Amino acid sequence: MVIRLLSGGLEGVDAFPVEVEVDYARQGLPGFTLVGLAEAAVREAKERVFAALRACNFRLPPARITVNLAPAALRKSGAGYDLPLAIGLLAASGIINADRLDNLFFIGELSLTGEIKPVHGVLPLAILAKKQGADGLVAPPGNAAEAAVTRGLNVYVPRDLAQCAAFLAGEESLEPHPPFLPDTLSPPLYGLDFSEVKGQLSAKRALEVAAAGGHNVLMIGPPGSGKTMLAQRLPTILPPLDFEEALEVTKIYSVAGKLLPGVGLMTTRPFRSPHHTISDVALVGGGGNPRPGEVSLAHRGVLFLDEMPEYHKSALEVLRQPLEDGYVNIARVAQSVAYPANCMLVAAMNPCPCGYYGDTAHTCLCRPEQLARYRGRISGPLLDRIDVHVEVPAVPYDDLRGDVSGEATSAQMRSRVLAARAVQQRRYADQAVHCNAELSGGLLEKHCALDASGHALLKAAVHNLKLSARAYTRVLRLARTIADLAGAEALRVEHIAEAVSLRVLDREQ
């Protein structure tokens, strides 16, 4: 007798359907064979499943068992096939009624005692189950919150294999987990505020412009000037995640196993701050069994690289493609997967190795060749992909002792950012872009048209600063964002001038 159950596997942040076929033949010598391009964790399911069956007092008659995971051409990984395999064996041996398995989708790992343990990637698998027309998803209790995010899908979460078998046999009722309601999304709460940063008005303005247009930022300043404080507060002025964006972020964290227990949906924009010793693979993703890297975990949020020149040069260079395209493509001999990586890069660096080049209060001890070597750790092509270069000087004593009540709060800055983003949303409603940082080609020329004075200023800037074609594009994008913050429809010369002023490293060439 052959029993078929619905399950699924993961490829990148998306799921593909897998049919678990169990052939239970009473003729021939007893044995167990698993086929279907299964990796080690899947092949080991046999030992976990039979131990769980024994622990739950199920006794299977001797038989020759063949299990096929179809389609056989796609690689299967992870322990999520334990539960469908165990249920398939119980149905094929006649212990439970196979008719109860129709239109149910199964996923879950089994412990040796029969407990159903959580697995990675349940949210994309739940979305797949809904697309496949399944009436319900049988999943681990630890994954109930994220599975319930999928609308119109009954999610059943038995605590162990015995309860699951009793539910399928009609001996025990199991109520679906309460569905997640998007209208219950609460605004994110931050314990940080821009008003806590003393002084640094130009840096705050630069970050406000960056947030309004989704631009990448590089902050340059001596130690202790507040670069990290500024970066940590950037998420407090970004627009809140909408439901679709939250779903994208949650899928990545679900696949990576980074969701906190009981969290069904990520409602806060990610802020990732990896250490400078991070490897290339950990930064952009990959490995033998590909996983999302930090740049994907920062999708729809902020990736903060503190002390940017201290990162391995190879790690920085692999960021170039994700920053340009908004995704990471991991190609291997056996498979190729793509991970979303549409994030804001915020980087910080000292002006020189000792940190005090250009600081009037300290003497720089760096030789010219040391300074050149330090700056050379960040390549020109990577710098071209960073829209905003802003200086963050040391904070004067008077600013440190000043009254914080006069400082702009995150709420005030966020209101201006939201107004500018609303303008962009209306402007690009029928386009394949979401914010000014994504403008290119004909859309750039259409929405960043210049008058004669604007052309003259930008031409002079390109000539004198020797801007590359990519830097020219960056200036136009910044000018468009500055105009949106000012509520101006057309770009004016002052918008171009401020945009050029936000390219500090171009001015130092």
Protein backbone atom coordinates (compact mmCIF):
# COMPACT_ATOMS: atom_id res chain seq x y z
CA MET A 1 0.00 0.00 0.00
CA VAL A 2 1.37 3.45 -0.96
CA ILE A 3 0.47 6.48 1.14
CA ARG A 4 1.09 10.03 -0.10
CA LEU A 5 1.41 13.09 2.14
CA LEU A 6 2.02 16.75 1.38
CA SER A 7 5.14 18.44 2.74
CA GLY A 8 7.74 20.88 1.48
CA GLY A 9 11.37 21.91 1.31
CA LEU A 10 13.22 25.22 1.23
CA GLU A 11 15.12 26.85 -1.62
CA GLY A 12 16.37 30.26 -0.57
CA VAL A 13 13.54 32.01 1.28
CA ASP A 14 10.84 30.23 -0.70
CA ALA A 15 9.41 26.73 -0.36
CA PHE A 16 8.79 24.03 -2.95
CA PRO A 17 6.28 21.16 -2.65
CA VAL A 18 7.50 17.70 -1.66
CA GLU A 19 5.31 14.60 -1.80
CA VAL A 20 6.26 12.01 0.81
CA GLU A 21 5.40 8.55 -0.59
CA VAL A 22 5.49 5.56 1.75
CA ASP A 23 5.30 2.01 0.33
CA TYR A 24 4.62 -0.57 3.05
CA ALA A 25 5.02 -4.07 1.58
CA ARG A 26 4.40 -7.15 3.77
CA GLN A 27 6.15 -9.41 1.23
CA GLY A 28 9.91 -9.88 1.16
CA LEU A 29 12.55 -9.29 3.78
CA PRO A 30 11.92 -6.41 6.20
CA GLY A 31 13.97 -3.31 5.45
CA PHE A 32 13.92 0.47 5.09
CA THR A 33 14.98 2.46 2.01
CA LEU A 34 14.83 6.24 1.63
CA VAL A 35 15.25 7.78 -1.83
CA GLY A 36 14.75 11.25 -3.32
CA LEU A 37 18.10 13.11 -3.06
CA ALA A 38 17.99 13.34 0.74
CA GLU A 39 20.82 14.94 2.71
CA ALA A 40 22.23 13.55 5.97
CA ALA A 41 19.65 15.08 8.35
CA VAL A 42 16.83 13.59 6.23
CA ARG A 43 18.47 10.15 6.00
CA GLU A 44 18.85 10.13 9.78
CA ALA A 45 15.06 10.54 10.09
CA LYS A 46 14.70 6.76 10.15
CA GLU A 47 16.30 6.47 13.61
CA ARG A 48 14.36 9.39 15.08
CA VAL A 49 11.03 8.26 13.64
CA PHE A 50 11.22 4.64 14.80
CA ALA A 51 12.38 5.71 18.28
CA ALA A 52 9.46 8.18 18.48
CA LEU A 53 7.00 5.48 17.35
CA ARG A 54 8.22 3.13 20.06
CA ALA A 55 8.08 5.88 22.70
CA CYS A 56 4.42 6.53 21.76
CA ASN A 57 3.59 2.78 21.98
CA PHE A 58 3.08 2.23 18.25
CA ARG A 59 4.16 -1.21 17.04
CA LEU A 60 4.56 -1.57 13.28
CA PRO A 61 4.29 -5.03 11.70
CA PRO A 62 7.47 -6.19 9.92
CA ALA A 63 7.53 -4.95 6.33
CA ARG A 64 9.73 -3.80 3.50
CA ILE A 65 9.41 0.01 3.62
CA THR A 66 10.35 2.31 0.76
CA VAL A 67 10.07 6.08 1.17
CA ASN A 68 10.34 8.45 -1.79
CA LEU A 69 10.63 12.23 -1.51
CA ALA A 70 9.35 13.61 -4.79
CA PRO A 71 10.47 15.38 -6.92
CA ALA A 72 13.65 13.36 -6.76
CA ALA A 73 15.66 15.96 -8.69
CA LEU A 74 15.56 18.57 -5.89
CA ARG A 75 17.82 18.28 -2.86
CA LYS A 76 16.01 17.77 0.47
CA SER A 77 17.56 18.97 3.72
CA GLY A 78 16.56 19.46 7.36
CA ALA A 79 14.62 17.41 9.90
CA GLY A 80 11.17 18.67 8.93
CA TYR A 81 10.29 15.43 7.12
CA ASP A 82 10.20 13.44 10.40
CA LEU A 83 6.51 14.08 11.10
CA PRO A 84 5.14 13.31 7.60
CA LEU A 85 7.29 10.16 7.48
CA ALA A 86 5.96 8.93 10.85
CA ILE A 87 2.35 9.67 9.90
CA GLY A 88 2.88 7.96 6.54
CA LEU A 89 4.15 4.83 8.27
CA LEU A 90 1.16 4.79 10.64
CA ALA A 91 -1.28 5.19 7.74
CA ALA A 92 0.46 2.66 5.49
CA SER A 93 0.46 0.05 8.27
CA GLY A 94 -3.27 0.60 8.90
CA ILE A 95 -2.93 2.10 12.37
CA ILE A 96 -4.67 5.34 11.32
CA ASN A 97 -7.13 6.03 8.53
CA ALA A 98 -5.40 7.27 5.39
CA ASP A 99 -8.52 9.17 4.31
CA ARG A 100 -7.93 11.70 7.09
CA LEU A 101 -4.65 12.78 5.46
CA ASP A 102 -6.22 14.36 2.38
CA ASN A 103 -5.40 18.05 1.93
CA LEU A 104 -3.27 18.27 5.05
CA PHE A 105 0.30 19.60 4.93
CA PHE A 106 2.83 18.16 7.42
CA ILE A 107 6.09 19.55 8.75
CA GLY A 108 8.01 18.92 11.97
CA GLU A 109 10.98 17.27 13.64
CA LEU A 110 10.51 14.43 16.12
CA SER A 111 12.45 13.88 19.31
CA LEU A 112 13.21 10.35 20.49
CA THR A 113 10.29 10.66 22.93
CA GLY A 114 7.81 11.63 20.19
CA GLU A 115 7.68 15.35 20.95
CA ILE A 116 7.20 17.52 17.84
CA LYS A 117 10.06 20.03 17.77
CA PRO A 118 10.21 23.33 15.83
CA VAL A 119 12.02 23.62 12.49
CA HIS A 120 13.29 26.48 10.36
CA GLY A 121 11.32 28.05 7.53
CA VAL A 122 7.76 27.25 8.62
CA LEU A 123 6.38 30.59 7.38
CA PRO A 124 7.34 30.03 3.70
CA LEU A 125 6.14 26.45 4.05
CA ALA A 126 2.77 27.66 5.40
CA ILE A 127 2.49 30.07 2.47
CA LEU A 128 3.21 27.15 0.14
CA ALA A 129 0.56 25.00 1.83
CA LYS A 130 -1.99 27.75 1.23
CA LYS A 131 -0.97 28.04 -2.45
CA GLN A 132 -1.22 24.25 -2.83
CA GLY A 133 -4.82 24.37 -1.65
CA ALA A 134 -4.25 22.52 1.61
CA ASP A 135 -7.07 22.68 4.14
CA GLY A 136 -4.70 22.69 7.07
CA LEU A 137 -1.08 22.64 8.20
CA VAL A 138 0.14 20.28 10.93
CA ALA A 139 3.17 21.97 12.47
CA PRO A 140 5.19 22.04 15.71
CA PRO A 141 3.82 24.11 18.61
CA GLY A 142 7.02 26.16 18.59
CA ASN A 143 6.23 27.34 15.05
CA ALA A 144 2.54 28.08 15.65
CA ALA A 145 2.86 31.88 15.77
CA GLU A 146 4.63 32.25 12.43
CA ALA A 147 2.49 29.64 10.68
CA ALA A 148 -0.69 31.43 11.82
CA VAL A 149 0.42 34.56 9.90
CA THR A 150 -0.77 32.86 6.70
CA ARG A 151 -4.33 33.95 6.06
CA GLY A 152 -7.05 31.36 5.41
CA LEU A 153 -5.04 28.34 6.55
CA ASN A 154 -5.97 26.20 9.55
CA VAL A 155 -2.87 25.54 11.64
CA TYR A 156 -2.91 22.49 13.93
CA VAL A 157 -0.15 22.14 16.50
CA PRO A 158 -0.20 18.76 18.30
CA ARG A 159 2.31 18.54 21.13
CA ASP A 160 3.59 15.08 20.18
CA LEU A 161 3.23 12.22 17.72
CA ALA A 162 0.66 10.41 19.87
CA GLN A 163 -1.67 13.41 19.95
CA CYS A 164 -1.21 13.98 16.22
CA ALA A 165 -2.11 10.34 15.48
CA ALA A 166 -5.16 10.54 17.75
CA PHE A 167 -6.29 13.72 15.97
CA LEU A 168 -5.91 12.11 12.54
CA ALA A 169 -7.68 8.97 13.73
CA GLY A 170 -10.64 11.05 14.91
CA GLU A 171 -10.10 10.06 18.53
CA GLU A 172 -9.17 13.54 19.75
CA SER A 173 -10.22 17.00 18.63
CA LEU A 174 -7.64 19.66 17.97
CA GLU A 175 -8.64 23.29 17.53
CA PRO A 176 -6.76 25.39 14.94
CA HIS A 177 -4.31 27.91 16.34
CA PRO A 178 -5.83 31.43 16.46
CA PRO A 179 -4.95 33.25 13.22
CA PHE A 180 -2.72 36.29 13.24
CA LEU A 181 -4.62 39.47 12.41
CA PRO A 182 -2.58 42.12 10.53
CA ASP A 183 -4.66 44.92 12.03
CA THR A 184 -3.21 44.01 15.43
CA LEU A 185 0.22 45.24 14.32
CA SER A 186 1.51 47.59 16.99
CA PRO A 187 3.98 50.39 16.20
CA PRO A 188 7.59 49.45 17.01
CA LEU A 189 8.93 50.64 20.34
CA TYR A 190 12.49 51.96 20.54
CA GLY A 191 14.41 52.84 23.66
CA LEU A 192 16.55 55.30 21.69
CA ASP A 193 15.94 58.83 20.41
CA PHE A 194 17.87 61.31 18.27
CA SER A 195 17.39 63.98 20.93
CA GLU A 196 19.95 62.08 23.03
CA VAL A 197 22.69 62.90 20.50
CA LYS A 198 24.23 66.26 21.42
CA GLY A 199 25.09 68.58 18.55
CA GLN A 200 25.94 66.97 15.17
CA LEU A 201 23.25 68.92 13.32
CA SER A 202 24.82 68.26 9.90
CA ALA A 203 25.06 64.51 10.57
CA LYS A 204 21.44 64.37 11.76
CA ARG A 205 20.35 66.23 8.64
CA ALA A 206 22.31 63.77 6.49
CA LEU A 207 20.65 60.79 8.18
CA GLU A 208 17.23 62.39 7.78
CA VAL A 209 17.88 62.79 4.05
CA ALA A 210 19.12 59.20 3.88
CA ALA A 211 16.03 57.88 5.67
CA ALA A 212 13.70 59.92 3.47
CA GLY A 213 15.13 58.47 0.27
CA GLY A 214 16.53 55.10 1.35
CA HIS A 215 20.15 56.17 0.68
CA ASN A 216 23.34 54.49 1.92
CA VAL A 217 25.50 56.52 4.33
CA LEU A 218 29.17 56.70 5.31
CA MET A 219 30.02 58.71 8.45
CA ILE A 220 33.61 59.90 8.90
CA GLY A 221 34.83 61.26 12.22
CA PRO A 222 37.21 60.82 15.16
CA PRO A 223 36.63 58.32 17.96
CA GLY A 224 33.86 59.33 20.37
CA SER A 225 32.14 61.77 18.03
CA GLY A 226 28.84 59.85 18.13
CA LYS A 227 28.86 57.85 14.88
CA THR A 228 27.57 54.67 16.51
CA MET A 229 24.92 56.57 18.48
CA LEU A 230 23.66 58.16 15.28
CA ALA A 231 23.54 54.86 13.41
CA GLN A 232 21.69 53.07 16.21
CA ARG A 233 18.97 55.72 16.14
CA LEU A 234 18.40 55.63 12.39
CA PRO A 235 15.64 52.93 12.61
CA THR A 236 13.65 55.27 14.88
CA ILE A 237 13.00 57.66 11.97
CA LEU A 238 12.39 55.08 9.25
CA PRO A 239 8.80 54.38 8.13
CA PRO A 240 7.17 51.41 9.94
CA LEU A 241 7.05 48.11 8.11
CA ASP A 242 3.86 47.43 6.22
CA PHE A 243 2.43 43.90 6.26
CA GLU A 244 4.07 42.77 3.00
CA GLU A 245 7.48 44.07 4.07
CA ALA A 246 7.08 42.44 7.49
CA LEU A 247 6.27 39.17 5.71
CA GLU A 248 9.45 39.43 3.60
CA VAL A 249 11.61 40.06 6.67
CA THR A 250 9.95 37.30 8.70
CA LYS A 251 10.50 34.74 5.94
CA ILE A 252 14.24 35.45 6.00
CA TYR A 253 14.45 35.19 9.78
CA SER A 254 12.32 32.04 9.71
CA VAL A 255 14.61 30.34 7.19
CA ALA A 256 17.69 31.45 9.12
CA GLY A 257 16.25 30.22 12.44
CA LYS A 258 16.50 33.73 13.93
CA LEU A 259 12.87 34.23 14.97
CA LEU A 260 12.44 34.61 18.70
CA PRO A 261 10.13 32.07 20.41
CA GLY A 262 6.49 33.09 20.13
CA VAL A 263 7.16 35.77 17.50
CA GLY A 264 4.92 35.34 14.48
CA LEU A 265 5.77 38.45 12.50
CA MET A 266 8.70 40.85 12.56
CA THR A 267 7.25 44.31 13.11
CA THR A 268 10.48 46.26 13.63
CA ARG A 269 12.92 47.11 10.86
CA PRO A 270 16.09 45.03 11.37
CA PHE A 271 19.30 46.63 12.59
CA ARG A 272 22.30 44.36 12.05
CA SER A 273 25.78 45.31 13.27
CA PRO A 274 28.29 42.50 12.52
CA HIS A 275 31.82 42.62 13.94
CA HIS A 276 34.61 43.58 11.57
CA THR A 277 36.10 40.05 11.76
CA ILE A 278 33.06 38.63 9.93
CA SER A 279 33.76 36.33 6.97
CA ASP A 280 32.56 36.86 3.41
CA VAL A 281 30.04 34.01 3.69
CA ALA A 282 28.63 35.22 7.00
CA LEU A 283 28.21 38.72 5.57
CA VAL A 284 26.46 37.92 2.27
CA GLY A 285 25.29 34.33 2.83
CA GLY A 286 26.20 30.97 1.35
CA GLY A 287 27.99 27.92 2.68
CA GLY A 288 27.66 24.25 1.76
CA ASN A 289 24.00 24.37 2.76
CA PRO A 290 23.28 28.03 1.83
CA ARG A 291 21.95 30.32 4.55
CA PRO A 292 21.12 34.04 4.53
CA GLY A 293 23.95 36.36 5.56
CA GLU A 294 23.91 39.62 7.51
CA VAL A 295 23.06 41.68 4.44
CA SER A 296 19.88 39.60 3.97
CA LEU A 297 19.04 39.66 7.68
CA ALA A 298 19.13 43.46 7.33
CA HIS A 299 16.58 43.37 4.46
CA ARG A 300 14.17 46.34 4.71
CA GLY A 301 16.30 47.65 7.58
CA VAL A 302 19.81 48.86 8.36
CA LEU A 303 23.19 47.12 8.00
CA PHE A 304 25.71 49.00 10.16
CA LEU A 305 29.42 48.46 9.54
CA ASP A 306 31.39 50.18 12.30
CA GLU A 307 35.08 50.83 11.60
CA MET A 308 34.50 49.96 7.95
CA PRO A 309 38.18 49.92 6.85
CA GLU A 310 38.87 47.20 9.44
CA TYR A 311 36.66 44.70 7.58
CA HIS A 312 38.33 42.23 5.25
CA LYS A 313 38.61 43.82 1.83
CA SER A 314 37.11 40.73 0.19
CA ALA A 315 34.09 40.95 2.50
CA LEU A 316 33.50 44.58 1.57
CA GLU A 317 33.84 43.89 -2.13
CA VAL A 318 31.17 41.16 -2.12
CA LEU A 319 28.72 43.80 -0.87
CA ARG A 320 28.87 45.64 -4.19
CA GLN A 321 26.36 43.45 -6.03
CA PRO A 322 23.77 43.30 -3.20
CA LEU A 323 23.93 47.08 -2.72
CA GLU A 324 23.32 47.62 -6.42
CA ASP A 325 20.71 44.92 -7.11
CA GLY A 326 18.96 44.46 -3.76
CA TYR A 327 19.50 40.70 -3.62
CA VAL A 328 22.26 38.12 -3.19
CA ASN A 329 22.62 35.31 -5.71
CA ILE A 330 24.40 32.26 -4.25
CA ALA A 331 25.49 29.88 -7.02
CA ARG A 332 26.73 26.35 -6.26
CA VAL A 333 27.25 23.30 -8.42
CA ALA A 334 24.14 21.59 -7.03
CA GLN A 335 21.88 24.62 -6.67
CA SER A 336 21.50 28.37 -7.02
CA VAL A 337 19.46 30.44 -4.57
CA ALA A 338 18.67 34.14 -4.25
CA TYR A 339 18.18 35.98 -0.96
CA PRO A 340 16.60 39.46 -0.70
CA ALA A 341 19.11 42.09 0.45
CA ASN A 342 17.40 45.45 0.01
CA CYS A 343 18.81 47.29 3.00
CA MET A 344 20.30 50.65 3.91
CA LEU A 345 24.05 50.43 4.42
CA VAL A 346 25.29 52.72 7.19
CA ALA A 347 29.05 52.66 7.67
CA ALA A 348 31.39 54.51 10.01
CA MET A 349 35.11 55.11 9.84
CA ASN A 350 37.85 57.24 11.34
CA PRO A 351 39.48 59.80 9.04
CA CYS A 352 42.85 58.07 9.49
CA PRO A 353 44.42 55.13 11.41
CA CYS A 354 44.98 57.20 14.58
CA GLY A 355 41.55 58.81 14.19
CA TYR A 356 42.51 62.48 14.45
CA TYR A 357 43.29 63.65 10.91
CA GLY A 358 41.79 67.14 10.56
CA ASP A 359 40.92 67.40 14.27
CA THR A 360 42.05 70.77 15.63
CA ALA A 361 42.13 69.49 19.21
CA HIS A 362 44.49 66.56 18.55
CA THR A 363 47.64 66.01 16.54
CA CYS A 364 47.44 63.38 13.80
CA LEU A 365 50.42 61.00 13.95
CA CYS A 366 49.76 59.26 10.62
CA ARG A 367 52.18 59.50 7.72
CA PRO A 368 50.77 60.24 4.23
CA GLU A 369 51.33 56.68 3.06
CA GLN A 370 49.48 55.33 6.12
CA LEU A 371 46.55 57.62 5.39
CA ALA A 372 46.49 56.57 1.73
CA ARG A 373 46.66 52.88 2.66
CA TYR A 374 43.87 53.29 5.23
CA ARG A 375 41.55 55.08 2.81
CA GLY A 376 42.45 52.56 0.10
CA ARG A 377 40.87 49.72 2.07
CA ILE A 378 37.52 50.98 0.77
CA SER A 379 37.51 50.73 -3.01
CA GLY A 380 36.23 53.44 -5.33
CA PRO A 381 33.45 51.24 -6.77
CA LEU A 382 32.14 50.54 -3.26
CA LEU A 383 32.27 54.23 -2.31
CA ASP A 384 30.34 55.03 -5.48
CA ARG A 385 27.49 52.86 -4.16
CA ILE A 386 27.24 54.96 -1.00
CA ASP A 387 25.13 58.03 -1.65
CA VAL A 388 25.95 60.10 1.44
CA HIS A 389 29.44 60.82 2.80
CA VAL A 390 29.17 63.02 5.89
CA GLU A 391 31.70 64.30 8.41
CA VAL A 392 30.96 63.76 12.11
CA PRO A 393 33.38 66.06 13.98
CA ALA A 394 34.21 65.93 17.66
CA VAL A 395 31.47 67.44 19.83
CA PRO A 396 32.39 70.77 21.50
CA TYR A 397 32.03 71.08 25.27
CA ASP A 398 29.24 73.64 24.98
CA ASP A 399 27.17 71.18 22.95
CA LEU A 400 27.81 68.40 25.44
CA ARG A 401 26.53 70.56 28.30
CA GLY A 402 23.70 72.06 26.26
CA ASP A 403 20.00 71.65 26.95
CA VAL A 404 18.63 68.56 25.14
CA SER A 405 15.18 70.09 24.94
CA GLY A 406 16.25 71.99 21.84
CA GLU A 407 17.42 68.87 20.02
CA ALA A 408 15.25 67.43 17.26
CA THR A 409 13.47 64.29 18.44
CA SER A 410 13.07 61.09 16.46
CA ALA A 411 9.32 61.75 16.27
CA GLN A 412 9.87 65.14 14.63
CA MET A 413 12.40 63.77 12.16
CA ARG A 414 10.21 60.75 11.40
CA SER A 415 7.22 62.96 10.57
CA ARG A 416 9.28 64.75 7.91
CA VAL A 417 10.61 61.44 6.59
CA LEU A 418 7.12 59.98 6.35
CA ALA A 419 5.89 63.04 4.46
CA ALA A 420 8.73 62.69 1.94
CA ARG A 421 8.14 58.95 1.58
CA ALA A 422 4.43 59.59 0.96
CA VAL A 423 5.37 61.90 -1.92
CA GLN A 424 7.58 59.18 -3.40
CA GLN A 425 4.90 56.56 -2.94
CA ARG A 426 2.43 58.63 -4.95
CA ARG A 427 5.02 59.52 -7.58
CA TYR A 428 6.14 55.92 -8.16
CA ALA A 429 2.75 54.26 -7.69
CA ASP A 430 2.87 52.71 -11.16
CA GLN A 431 6.65 52.17 -11.27
CA ALA A 432 8.95 49.38 -10.14
CA VAL A 433 10.68 51.57 -7.54
CA HIS A 434 9.76 52.41 -3.96
CA CYS A 435 12.04 55.30 -3.06
CA ASN A 436 14.46 57.77 -4.63
CA ALA A 437 17.52 55.60 -3.95
CA GLU A 438 16.22 53.14 -6.56
CA LEU A 439 15.86 55.68 -9.38
CA SER A 440 17.76 54.96 -12.59
CA GLY A 441 17.56 55.31 -16.35
CA GLY A 442 14.60 57.12 -17.82
CA LEU A 443 12.89 57.55 -14.45
CA LEU A 444 15.93 59.42 -13.16
CA GLU A 445 15.86 61.84 -16.08
CA LYS A 446 12.10 62.25 -15.81
CA HIS A 447 11.89 63.00 -12.11
CA CYS A 448 15.23 64.80 -11.69
CA ALA A 449 14.99 67.33 -14.50
CA LEU A 450 17.21 70.42 -13.97
CA ASP A 451 16.88 74.04 -15.00
CA ALA A 452 19.77 76.01 -16.51
CA SER A 453 21.29 77.03 -13.15
CA GLY A 454 21.04 73.47 -11.84
CA HIS A 455 22.78 72.14 -14.96
CA ALA A 456 25.55 74.70 -14.58
CA LEU A 457 26.17 73.84 -10.92
CA LEU A 458 26.15 70.09 -11.49
CA LYS A 459 28.41 70.39 -14.53
CA ALA A 460 30.92 72.35 -12.46
CA ALA A 461 30.72 69.76 -9.66
CA VAL A 462 31.31 66.86 -12.06
CA HIS A 463 34.27 68.69 -13.65
CA ASN A 464 35.94 69.94 -10.47
CA LEU A 465 35.30 66.88 -8.28
CA LYS A 466 35.80 64.38 -11.14
CA LEU A 467 32.58 62.57 -10.27
CA SER A 468 31.99 59.19 -11.88
CA ALA A 469 28.78 58.45 -13.77
CA ARG A 470 27.51 56.54 -10.74
CA ALA A 471 28.35 59.46 -8.40
CA TYR A 472 26.50 61.82 -10.77
CA THR A 473 23.45 59.58 -10.46
CA ARG A 474 23.80 59.57 -6.67
CA VAL A 475 23.83 63.37 -6.55
CA LEU A 476 20.63 63.56 -8.59
CA ARG A 477 18.91 61.02 -6.34
CA LEU A 478 19.95 62.95 -3.24
CA ALA A 479 18.75 66.21 -4.73
CA ARG A 480 15.37 64.62 -5.48
CA THR A 481 15.07 63.51 -1.83
CA ILE A 482 16.10 66.93 -0.51
CA ALA A 483 13.44 68.52 -2.72
CA ASP A 484 10.83 66.07 -1.43
CA LEU A 485 11.72 66.98 2.18
CA ALA A 486 11.28 70.63 1.24
CA GLY A 487 7.94 69.93 -0.46
CA ALA A 488 9.29 71.14 -3.83
CA GLU A 489 8.10 69.60 -7.09
CA ALA A 490 11.06 70.75 -9.21
CA LEU A 491 14.76 70.49 -8.37
CA ARG A 492 16.34 73.83 -7.58
CA VAL A 493 19.96 74.88 -7.40
CA GLU A 494 19.99 74.78 -3.58
CA HIS A 495 18.91 71.13 -3.67
CA ILE A 496 21.81 70.29 -6.00
CA ALA A 497 24.22 72.25 -3.79
CA GLU A 498 23.19 70.38 -0.63
CA ALA A 499 23.38 67.05 -2.45
CA VAL A 500 26.96 67.80 -3.56
CA SER A 501 27.83 68.85 0.01
CA LEU A 502 26.77 65.39 1.19
CA ARG A 503 29.58 63.82 -0.87
CA VAL A 504 32.53 64.70 1.41
CA LEU A 505 34.99 62.19 -0.04
CA ASP A 506 34.38 63.49 -3.55
CA ARG A 507 35.37 66.97 -2.37
CA GLU A 508 38.62 65.65 -0.85
CA GLN A 509 39.89 64.10 -4.08
